[in-house]
Every structure is written in C-alpha cells, then in structure tokens.
Amino acid sequence: MTDDIQNPTADLSDYDWLEFECFASKVDSEGFTYAYENYSPDFEATDMQELASDMGKFRAYFRANAGLVEQWYDAIGGERACDLHNAHVDETRQRANDACLWGVRCTDGYVVHEPSESERDAFVAATLANPSYRQPAALLRRDVPGGEWVETVIAEAASASSNA
C-alpha cells in the first residue's frame, strides 16, 4: 500500500513523511498549538524526534514545509493521498498496540492494549465496577513487544491474588 508514495522530501523517510502529513491534517482542523499538544508527531528518525520535541523549532520547520503537503496531494491525487493517510494511521495504531506488554481480552473477544500493568489493572477495575461497559475475561501479558499473549482468566487471577 505504501510503496511509491512519491515522498516529496529528501530528508524524511516515507514513514516520517506520512507522519508529517497526518500532523498537517490535524493542524488544518485544530490549529498548530492544539495539534502539537494533543497529536504531536511520533517520528522514527532521531533528528526529527529531537526537532519535534521543541514546539518553537518544530513550528518553524512546519511552516517551512507545510506547502509540500498540498503539492503532494496534487501530485499523487486526493484518493491515493487519503488511502496512504489512512494506511499510515492504521500502521501507527498497530505499532502502538504491538508496543504494549499488557492487555485485557474482553468477553466479546476484543483486546484492550495497555502500556503498563497498573493501567491494565485500573481498566479491569473500572469495567468490573460498571456492568454496562465491555467486560474483561482475561488478563494478558507478553514478554516482548508484538509477542504472543500469555493469558490468565479473570476468575483464576482473582483466586490467585486471594490465595497470596
């Protein structure tokens, strides 16, 4: 899907170009400051990560390069640009989920990914306290990002903690 995206920059990888394009989309609808504070780009390249960590420097970079986004849309076509944008959003979400070592499998099969054990446990407590929420069936953990889940059924987890 993302082969030959016609990246108009010499200094950004295709992933980082699409990250910049997605950020530009947020700026169009939310304004720079709000987009920066709530949807800050997550670049792969360390030099871009460093640049993006300083709002003033990144604003200057954004202003200098924002015009490339419209040029890119015109060159690649709106439908292809939209497809690439959506594929990048999906890839970013998948990367974030794969990075999580903790999760919950709900009774309907849906998996909630959490960045820490304490956040996973807080999610479970909140859902068990409100039966109208999607209910947890099993606690999940994995040893490496993107690895296989090891599952503990909620009833087993409760009895193990009460026996401790």
N, C-alpha and C. Protein backbone atom coordinates (compact mmCIF):
# COMPACT_ATOMS: atom_id res chain seq x y z
N MET A 1 0.82 -1.21 0.00
CA MET A 1 0.00 0.00 0.00
C MET A 1 0.86 1.26 0.00
N THR A 2 1.95 1.25 0.77
CA THR A 2 2.74 2.47 0.87
C THR A 2 3.96 2.46 -0.05
N ASP A 3 4.04 1.51 -1.00
CA ASP A 3 5.14 1.57 -1.94
C ASP A 3 4.91 2.74 -2.90
N ASP A 4 6.01 3.38 -3.27
CA ASP A 4 5.98 4.54 -4.16
C ASP A 4 4.95 5.59 -3.74
N ILE A 5 5.17 6.14 -2.57
CA ILE A 5 4.23 7.16 -2.07
C ILE A 5 4.54 8.54 -2.64
N GLN A 6 5.61 8.64 -3.44
CA GLN A 6 6.03 9.90 -4.03
C GLN A 6 6.36 10.93 -2.96
N ASN A 7 7.13 10.49 -1.97
CA ASN A 7 7.60 11.34 -0.88
C ASN A 7 8.33 12.55 -1.48
N PRO A 8 7.85 13.77 -1.22
CA PRO A 8 8.46 14.95 -1.83
C PRO A 8 9.71 15.46 -1.11
N THR A 9 10.11 14.80 -0.03
CA THR A 9 11.25 15.28 0.74
C THR A 9 12.46 14.38 0.53
N ALA A 10 13.62 14.97 0.67
CA ALA A 10 14.86 14.18 0.60
C ALA A 10 15.30 13.73 1.98
N ASP A 11 14.82 14.43 3.01
CA ASP A 11 15.33 14.18 4.37
C ASP A 11 14.41 13.35 5.25
N LEU A 12 13.21 13.02 4.81
CA LEU A 12 12.28 12.23 5.62
C LEU A 12 12.06 10.86 5.00
N SER A 13 12.03 9.83 5.85
CA SER A 13 11.63 8.51 5.37
C SER A 13 10.16 8.58 4.96
N ASP A 14 9.70 7.58 4.24
CA ASP A 14 8.29 7.55 3.87
C ASP A 14 7.40 7.57 5.11
N TYR A 15 7.80 6.81 6.14
CA TYR A 15 7.02 6.80 7.38
C TYR A 15 6.96 8.20 7.99
N ASP A 16 8.11 8.86 8.09
CA ASP A 16 8.14 10.19 8.70
C ASP A 16 7.41 11.22 7.83
N TRP A 17 7.47 11.07 6.51
CA TRP A 17 6.70 11.98 5.66
C TRP A 17 5.20 11.82 5.94
N LEU A 18 4.73 10.59 6.02
CA LEU A 18 3.30 10.37 6.29
C LEU A 18 2.94 10.83 7.70
N GLU A 19 3.87 10.73 8.64
CA GLU A 19 3.63 11.25 9.99
C GLU A 19 3.48 12.78 9.93
N PHE A 20 4.32 13.43 9.14
CA PHE A 20 4.23 14.88 8.96
C PHE A 20 2.91 15.24 8.28
N GLU A 21 2.53 14.50 7.26
CA GLU A 21 1.28 14.76 6.55
C GLU A 21 0.09 14.60 7.48
N CYS A 22 0.10 13.57 8.32
CA CYS A 22 -1.00 13.37 9.28
C CYS A 22 -1.06 14.52 10.27
N PHE A 23 0.10 14.97 10.72
CA PHE A 23 0.13 16.11 11.63
C PHE A 23 -0.43 17.36 10.93
N ALA A 24 -0.05 17.57 9.68
CA ALA A 24 -0.55 18.73 8.93
C ALA A 24 -2.07 18.67 8.82
N SER A 25 -2.62 17.48 8.66
CA SER A 25 -4.07 17.32 8.61
C SER A 25 -4.71 17.77 9.92
N LYS A 26 -4.09 17.41 11.04
CA LYS A 26 -4.60 17.84 12.35
C LYS A 26 -4.49 19.35 12.50
N VAL A 27 -3.39 19.93 12.02
CA VAL A 27 -3.21 21.38 12.10
C VAL A 27 -4.32 22.08 11.32
N ASP A 28 -4.67 21.54 10.15
CA ASP A 28 -5.73 22.14 9.34
C ASP A 28 -7.05 22.20 10.09
N SER A 29 -7.34 21.19 10.89
CA SER A 29 -8.63 21.17 11.58
C SER A 29 -8.58 21.70 13.01
N GLU A 30 -7.40 21.67 13.65
CA GLU A 30 -7.32 22.03 15.08
C GLU A 30 -6.44 23.24 15.36
N GLY A 31 -5.60 23.64 14.42
CA GLY A 31 -4.62 24.68 14.68
C GLY A 31 -3.32 24.06 15.19
N PHE A 32 -2.20 24.77 14.99
CA PHE A 32 -0.90 24.19 15.30
C PHE A 32 -0.75 23.85 16.78
N THR A 33 -1.02 24.78 17.67
CA THR A 33 -0.76 24.55 19.09
C THR A 33 -1.56 23.38 19.62
N TYR A 34 -2.85 23.34 19.33
CA TYR A 34 -3.68 22.23 19.81
C TYR A 34 -3.19 20.90 19.21
N ALA A 35 -2.90 20.90 17.92
CA ALA A 35 -2.41 19.67 17.28
C ALA A 35 -1.09 19.23 17.90
N TYR A 36 -0.20 20.17 18.16
CA TYR A 36 1.10 19.83 18.75
C TYR A 36 0.92 19.26 20.16
N GLU A 37 0.06 19.86 20.94
CA GLU A 37 -0.13 19.42 22.33
C GLU A 37 -0.90 18.10 22.43
N ASN A 38 -1.72 17.78 21.44
CA ASN A 38 -2.57 16.59 21.54
C ASN A 38 -2.27 15.50 20.51
N TYR A 39 -1.62 15.85 19.42
CA TYR A 39 -1.36 14.89 18.35
C TYR A 39 0.07 15.03 17.83
N SER A 40 0.99 15.30 18.72
CA SER A 40 2.38 15.53 18.32
C SER A 40 2.89 14.35 17.50
N PRO A 41 3.61 14.61 16.43
CA PRO A 41 4.08 13.51 15.58
C PRO A 41 5.09 12.62 16.30
N ASP A 42 5.08 11.36 15.92
CA ASP A 42 5.99 10.37 16.50
C ASP A 42 6.90 9.87 15.39
N PHE A 43 7.92 10.66 15.09
CA PHE A 43 8.83 10.34 14.00
C PHE A 43 9.75 9.18 14.35
N GLU A 44 10.22 8.49 13.33
CA GLU A 44 11.20 7.42 13.51
C GLU A 44 12.61 7.99 13.65
N ALA A 45 12.96 8.94 12.81
CA ALA A 45 14.32 9.49 12.79
C ALA A 45 14.59 10.29 14.06
N THR A 46 15.74 10.04 14.66
CA THR A 46 16.07 10.71 15.93
C THR A 46 16.20 12.22 15.75
N ASP A 47 16.71 12.68 14.61
CA ASP A 47 16.81 14.13 14.41
C ASP A 47 15.43 14.77 14.33
N MET A 48 14.46 14.07 13.74
CA MET A 48 13.10 14.60 13.69
C MET A 48 12.42 14.51 15.05
N GLN A 49 12.73 13.47 15.83
CA GLN A 49 12.20 13.37 17.19
C GLN A 49 12.69 14.56 18.02
N GLU A 50 13.97 14.86 17.88
CA GLU A 50 14.54 15.99 18.63
C GLU A 50 13.90 17.30 18.19
N LEU A 51 13.76 17.50 16.89
CA LEU A 51 13.14 18.71 16.37
C LEU A 51 11.70 18.84 16.88
N ALA A 52 10.95 17.75 16.83
CA ALA A 52 9.54 17.78 17.24
C ALA A 52 9.38 17.96 18.75
N SER A 53 10.43 17.73 19.52
CA SER A 53 10.31 17.89 20.97
C SER A 53 10.33 19.35 21.40
N ASP A 54 10.67 20.25 20.51
CA ASP A 54 10.70 21.69 20.79
C ASP A 54 9.63 22.37 19.94
N MET A 55 8.57 22.86 20.57
CA MET A 55 7.44 23.42 19.82
C MET A 55 7.87 24.55 18.90
N GLY A 56 8.71 25.45 19.38
CA GLY A 56 9.13 26.59 18.56
C GLY A 56 9.90 26.16 17.33
N LYS A 57 10.85 25.27 17.50
CA LYS A 57 11.64 24.78 16.36
C LYS A 57 10.77 23.99 15.40
N PHE A 58 9.87 23.18 15.95
CA PHE A 58 9.02 22.39 15.08
C PHE A 58 8.02 23.27 14.34
N ARG A 59 7.53 24.32 14.98
CA ARG A 59 6.62 25.25 14.30
C ARG A 59 7.32 25.87 13.09
N ALA A 60 8.58 26.28 13.27
CA ALA A 60 9.34 26.86 12.16
C ALA A 60 9.52 25.83 11.04
N TYR A 61 9.85 24.60 11.40
CA TYR A 61 10.00 23.54 10.41
C TYR A 61 8.67 23.30 9.69
N PHE A 62 7.60 23.27 10.46
CA PHE A 62 6.28 23.03 9.88
C PHE A 62 5.93 24.13 8.88
N ARG A 63 6.13 25.38 9.27
CA ARG A 63 5.82 26.49 8.37
C ARG A 63 6.63 26.41 7.08
N ALA A 64 7.89 26.01 7.20
CA ALA A 64 8.76 25.94 6.03
C ALA A 64 8.39 24.78 5.10
N ASN A 65 7.73 23.76 5.63
CA ASN A 65 7.47 22.55 4.84
C ASN A 65 6.00 22.22 4.61
N ALA A 66 5.10 22.97 5.22
CA ALA A 66 3.67 22.65 5.11
C ALA A 66 3.18 22.70 3.66
N GLY A 67 3.75 23.57 2.86
CA GLY A 67 3.34 23.67 1.47
C GLY A 67 3.57 22.40 0.67
N LEU A 68 4.53 21.59 1.12
CA LEU A 68 4.80 20.33 0.44
C LEU A 68 3.61 19.38 0.50
N VAL A 69 2.81 19.49 1.55
CA VAL A 69 1.67 18.59 1.70
C VAL A 69 0.66 18.83 0.58
N GLU A 70 0.32 20.08 0.33
CA GLU A 70 -0.63 20.38 -0.74
C GLU A 70 -0.06 19.99 -2.10
N GLN A 71 1.23 20.25 -2.31
CA GLN A 71 1.87 19.84 -3.56
C GLN A 71 1.81 18.32 -3.73
N TRP A 72 2.03 17.62 -2.63
CA TRP A 72 1.99 16.15 -2.66
C TRP A 72 0.58 15.67 -3.01
N TYR A 73 -0.46 16.27 -2.37
CA TYR A 73 -1.84 15.90 -2.70
C TYR A 73 -2.09 16.06 -4.20
N ASP A 74 -1.65 17.20 -4.74
CA ASP A 74 -1.88 17.46 -6.17
C ASP A 74 -1.14 16.44 -7.04
N ALA A 75 0.08 16.08 -6.65
CA ALA A 75 0.89 15.17 -7.45
C ALA A 75 0.36 13.73 -7.40
N ILE A 76 -0.07 13.31 -6.24
CA ILE A 76 -0.44 11.91 -6.05
C ILE A 76 -1.95 11.67 -6.25
N GLY A 77 -2.72 12.71 -6.12
CA GLY A 77 -4.17 12.59 -6.24
C GLY A 77 -4.83 12.43 -4.89
N GLY A 78 -5.98 13.03 -4.73
CA GLY A 78 -6.67 13.04 -3.45
C GLY A 78 -7.03 11.66 -2.92
N GLU A 79 -7.51 10.78 -3.79
CA GLU A 79 -7.91 9.44 -3.33
C GLU A 79 -6.70 8.65 -2.83
N ARG A 80 -5.60 8.68 -3.59
CA ARG A 80 -4.39 7.96 -3.19
C ARG A 80 -3.83 8.57 -1.90
N ALA A 81 -3.84 9.89 -1.79
CA ALA A 81 -3.35 10.55 -0.57
C ALA A 81 -4.17 10.12 0.63
N CYS A 82 -5.49 10.06 0.46
CA CYS A 82 -6.37 9.64 1.55
C CYS A 82 -6.10 8.19 1.94
N ASP A 83 -5.92 7.32 0.94
CA ASP A 83 -5.61 5.91 1.23
C ASP A 83 -4.29 5.78 1.99
N LEU A 84 -3.27 6.52 1.58
CA LEU A 84 -1.97 6.47 2.25
C LEU A 84 -2.07 7.03 3.67
N HIS A 85 -2.82 8.11 3.82
CA HIS A 85 -3.03 8.70 5.15
C HIS A 85 -3.68 7.67 6.08
N ASN A 86 -4.75 7.06 5.62
CA ASN A 86 -5.47 6.08 6.44
C ASN A 86 -4.61 4.85 6.75
N ALA A 87 -3.84 4.38 5.77
CA ALA A 87 -2.95 3.24 6.00
C ALA A 87 -1.89 3.60 7.03
N HIS A 88 -1.41 4.83 6.99
CA HIS A 88 -0.40 5.27 7.98
C HIS A 88 -1.02 5.33 9.37
N VAL A 89 -2.22 5.84 9.49
CA VAL A 89 -2.90 5.89 10.79
C VAL A 89 -3.06 4.46 11.33
N ASP A 90 -3.46 3.54 10.47
CA ASP A 90 -3.60 2.14 10.90
C ASP A 90 -2.26 1.55 11.34
N GLU A 91 -1.20 1.83 10.58
CA GLU A 91 0.14 1.32 10.94
C GLU A 91 0.60 1.90 12.27
N THR A 92 0.37 3.17 12.48
CA THR A 92 0.75 3.83 13.73
C THR A 92 0.01 3.21 14.91
N ARG A 93 -1.27 2.97 14.74
CA ARG A 93 -2.08 2.34 15.80
C ARG A 93 -1.57 0.93 16.09
N GLN A 94 -1.25 0.18 15.03
CA GLN A 94 -0.74 -1.18 15.21
C GLN A 94 0.60 -1.17 15.92
N ARG A 95 1.47 -0.23 15.58
CA ARG A 95 2.76 -0.12 16.27
C ARG A 95 2.56 0.17 17.75
N ALA A 96 1.64 1.07 18.06
CA ALA A 96 1.37 1.40 19.47
C ALA A 96 0.83 0.18 20.21
N ASN A 97 -0.09 -0.55 19.59
CA ASN A 97 -0.63 -1.75 20.22
C ASN A 97 0.45 -2.82 20.41
N ASP A 98 1.28 -3.01 19.39
CA ASP A 98 2.35 -4.00 19.49
C ASP A 98 3.35 -3.67 20.59
N ALA A 99 3.53 -2.38 20.88
CA ALA A 99 4.49 -1.96 21.91
C ALA A 99 3.99 -2.27 23.32
N CYS A 100 2.70 -2.45 23.48
CA CYS A 100 2.13 -2.71 24.81
C CYS A 100 2.41 -4.14 25.26
N LEU A 101 2.88 -4.26 26.48
CA LEU A 101 3.16 -5.58 27.05
C LEU A 101 2.01 -6.09 27.92
N TRP A 102 0.97 -5.28 28.10
CA TRP A 102 -0.14 -5.62 28.97
C TRP A 102 -1.45 -5.43 28.22
N GLY A 103 -2.43 -6.25 28.53
CA GLY A 103 -3.72 -6.12 27.87
C GLY A 103 -4.81 -6.87 28.60
N VAL A 104 -6.00 -6.77 28.03
CA VAL A 104 -7.18 -7.44 28.56
C VAL A 104 -7.96 -7.99 27.37
N ARG A 105 -8.31 -9.26 27.42
CA ARG A 105 -9.23 -9.82 26.44
C ARG A 105 -10.61 -9.75 27.04
N CYS A 106 -11.51 -9.08 26.35
CA CYS A 106 -12.87 -8.91 26.85
C CYS A 106 -13.73 -10.11 26.46
N THR A 107 -14.89 -10.20 27.08
CA THR A 107 -15.79 -11.33 26.85
C THR A 107 -16.24 -11.43 25.39
N ASP A 108 -16.23 -10.31 24.67
CA ASP A 108 -16.60 -10.33 23.25
C ASP A 108 -15.41 -10.58 22.33
N GLY A 109 -14.23 -10.85 22.91
CA GLY A 109 -13.04 -11.13 22.12
C GLY A 109 -12.16 -9.93 21.83
N TYR A 110 -12.67 -8.74 22.06
CA TYR A 110 -11.89 -7.53 21.82
C TYR A 110 -10.71 -7.46 22.78
N VAL A 111 -9.55 -7.05 22.29
CA VAL A 111 -8.36 -6.92 23.13
C VAL A 111 -8.07 -5.44 23.35
N VAL A 112 -7.98 -5.06 24.63
CA VAL A 112 -7.60 -3.70 25.03
C VAL A 112 -6.11 -3.75 25.36
N HIS A 113 -5.31 -2.89 24.73
CA HIS A 113 -3.87 -2.84 24.96
C HIS A 113 -3.57 -1.75 25.97
N GLU A 114 -2.72 -2.04 26.93
CA GLU A 114 -2.34 -1.05 27.95
C GLU A 114 -0.82 -0.99 28.07
N PRO A 115 -0.27 0.21 28.29
CA PRO A 115 1.18 0.36 28.36
C PRO A 115 1.82 -0.13 29.65
N SER A 116 1.02 -0.35 30.69
CA SER A 116 1.60 -0.81 31.96
C SER A 116 0.62 -1.76 32.66
N GLU A 117 1.17 -2.53 33.58
CA GLU A 117 0.34 -3.45 34.35
C GLU A 117 -0.66 -2.68 35.20
N SER A 118 -0.23 -1.57 35.79
CA SER A 118 -1.14 -0.80 36.64
C SER A 118 -2.29 -0.20 35.83
N GLU A 119 -2.02 0.25 34.60
CA GLU A 119 -3.10 0.78 33.77
C GLU A 119 -4.05 -0.33 33.33
N ARG A 120 -3.50 -1.50 33.06
CA ARG A 120 -4.36 -2.65 32.73
C ARG A 120 -5.27 -2.98 33.91
N ASP A 121 -4.69 -3.04 35.11
CA ASP A 121 -5.47 -3.38 36.29
C ASP A 121 -6.51 -2.32 36.61
N ALA A 122 -6.18 -1.05 36.37
CA ALA A 122 -7.16 0.03 36.57
C ALA A 122 -8.31 -0.10 35.58
N PHE A 123 -8.00 -0.46 34.33
CA PHE A 123 -9.05 -0.68 33.33
C PHE A 123 -9.98 -1.80 33.78
N VAL A 124 -9.40 -2.90 34.25
CA VAL A 124 -10.21 -4.04 34.71
C VAL A 124 -11.11 -3.62 35.86
N ALA A 125 -10.55 -2.91 36.84
CA ALA A 125 -11.35 -2.47 37.99
C ALA A 125 -12.50 -1.57 37.55
N ALA A 126 -12.23 -0.66 36.64
CA ALA A 126 -13.28 0.26 36.17
C ALA A 126 -14.37 -0.48 35.42
N THR A 127 -14.00 -1.45 34.60
CA THR A 127 -15.03 -2.17 33.84
C THR A 127 -15.83 -3.11 34.72
N LEU A 128 -15.18 -3.75 35.68
CA LEU A 128 -15.92 -4.63 36.58
C LEU A 128 -16.89 -3.84 37.46
N ALA A 129 -16.55 -2.59 37.75
CA ALA A 129 -17.42 -1.74 38.58
C ALA A 129 -18.63 -1.23 37.81
N ASN A 130 -18.60 -1.33 36.49
CA ASN A 130 -19.71 -0.82 35.69
C ASN A 130 -20.12 -1.89 34.68
N PRO A 131 -21.15 -2.66 34.98
CA PRO A 131 -21.54 -3.76 34.09
C PRO A 131 -22.02 -3.33 32.71
N SER A 132 -22.27 -2.04 32.50
CA SER A 132 -22.68 -1.60 31.16
C SER A 132 -21.46 -1.47 30.24
N TYR A 133 -20.25 -1.51 30.80
CA TYR A 133 -19.03 -1.46 29.99
C TYR A 133 -18.72 -2.84 29.43
N ARG A 134 -17.91 -2.87 28.40
CA ARG A 134 -17.37 -4.13 27.86
C ARG A 134 -16.64 -4.83 29.00
N GLN A 135 -16.95 -6.09 29.25
CA GLN A 135 -16.42 -6.79 30.42
C GLN A 135 -15.15 -7.60 30.11
N PRO A 136 -14.20 -7.58 31.05
CA PRO A 136 -12.95 -8.31 30.85
C PRO A 136 -13.13 -9.81 31.11
N ALA A 137 -12.45 -10.63 30.32
CA ALA A 137 -12.48 -12.08 30.51
C ALA A 137 -11.12 -12.60 30.96
N ALA A 138 -10.04 -11.96 30.47
CA ALA A 138 -8.70 -12.48 30.79
C ALA A 138 -7.68 -11.35 30.82
N LEU A 139 -6.73 -11.49 31.74
CA LEU A 139 -5.59 -10.59 31.80
C LEU A 139 -4.55 -11.09 30.81
N LEU A 140 -3.90 -10.17 30.10
CA LEU A 140 -2.90 -10.53 29.11
C LEU A 140 -1.57 -9.88 29.45
N ARG A 141 -0.49 -10.60 29.14
CA ARG A 141 0.85 -10.03 29.24
C ARG A 141 1.71 -10.71 28.19
N ARG A 142 2.76 -10.02 27.79
CA ARG A 142 3.74 -10.62 26.89
C ARG A 142 5.12 -10.11 27.26
N ASP A 143 6.12 -10.87 26.89
CA ASP A 143 7.49 -10.55 27.29
C ASP A 143 8.18 -9.59 26.34
N VAL A 144 7.76 -9.59 25.09
CA VAL A 144 8.39 -8.73 24.09
C VAL A 144 7.30 -8.02 23.28
N PRO A 145 7.57 -6.80 22.85
CA PRO A 145 6.59 -6.10 22.02
C PRO A 145 6.21 -6.92 20.79
N GLY A 146 4.93 -7.02 20.55
CA GLY A 146 4.41 -7.76 19.41
C GLY A 146 4.41 -9.26 19.59
N GLY A 147 4.87 -9.74 20.75
CA GLY A 147 4.94 -11.18 21.01
C GLY A 147 3.57 -11.77 21.29
N GLU A 148 3.58 -13.06 21.54
CA GLU A 148 2.34 -13.77 21.84
C GLU A 148 1.87 -13.43 23.25
N TRP A 149 0.57 -13.30 23.40
CA TRP A 149 -0.01 -13.03 24.71
C TRP A 149 -0.01 -14.29 25.57
N VAL A 150 0.28 -14.12 26.86
CA VAL A 150 0.06 -15.15 27.87
C VAL A 150 -1.19 -14.70 28.61
N GLU A 151 -2.15 -15.60 28.74
CA GLU A 151 -3.47 -15.23 29.24
C GLU A 151 -3.74 -15.84 30.61
N THR A 152 -4.33 -15.04 31.49
CA THR A 152 -4.82 -15.53 32.78
C THR A 152 -6.30 -15.16 32.85
N VAL A 153 -7.15 -16.16 32.95
CA VAL A 153 -8.59 -15.92 33.03
C VAL A 153 -8.87 -15.11 34.30
N ILE A 154 -9.76 -14.15 34.22
CA ILE A 154 -10.05 -13.24 35.34
C ILE A 154 -10.36 -14.01 36.62
N ALA A 155 -11.18 -15.04 36.56
CA ALA A 155 -11.52 -15.81 37.77
C ALA A 155 -10.26 -16.44 38.38
N GLU A 156 -9.35 -16.94 37.53
CA GLU A 156 -8.10 -17.52 38.02
C GLU A 156 -7.23 -16.45 38.67
N ALA A 157 -7.19 -15.27 38.06
CA ALA A 157 -6.38 -14.18 38.60
C ALA A 157 -6.91 -13.75 39.96
N ALA A 158 -8.23 -13.70 40.10
CA ALA A 158 -8.82 -13.29 41.38
C ALA A 158 -8.52 -14.31 42.47
N SER A 159 -8.61 -15.61 42.14
CA SER A 159 -8.35 -16.62 43.16
C SER A 159 -6.86 -16.68 43.50
N ALA A 160 -5.99 -16.43 42.54
CA ALA A 160 -4.55 -16.42 42.81
C ALA A 160 -4.17 -15.28 43.74
N SER A 161 -4.79 -14.10 43.54
CA SER A 161 -4.46 -12.96 44.41
C SER A 161 -5.07 -13.13 45.80
N SER A 162 -6.21 -13.82 45.91
CA SER A 162 -6.81 -14.02 47.24
C SER A 162 -6.08 -15.12 48.01
N ASN A 163 -5.40 -16.02 47.30
CA ASN A 163 -4.62 -17.07 47.96
C ASN A 163 -3.24 -16.59 48.37
N ALA A 164 -2.83 -15.43 47.90
CA ALA A 164 -1.48 -14.93 48.20
C ALA A 164 -1.37 -14.38 49.59
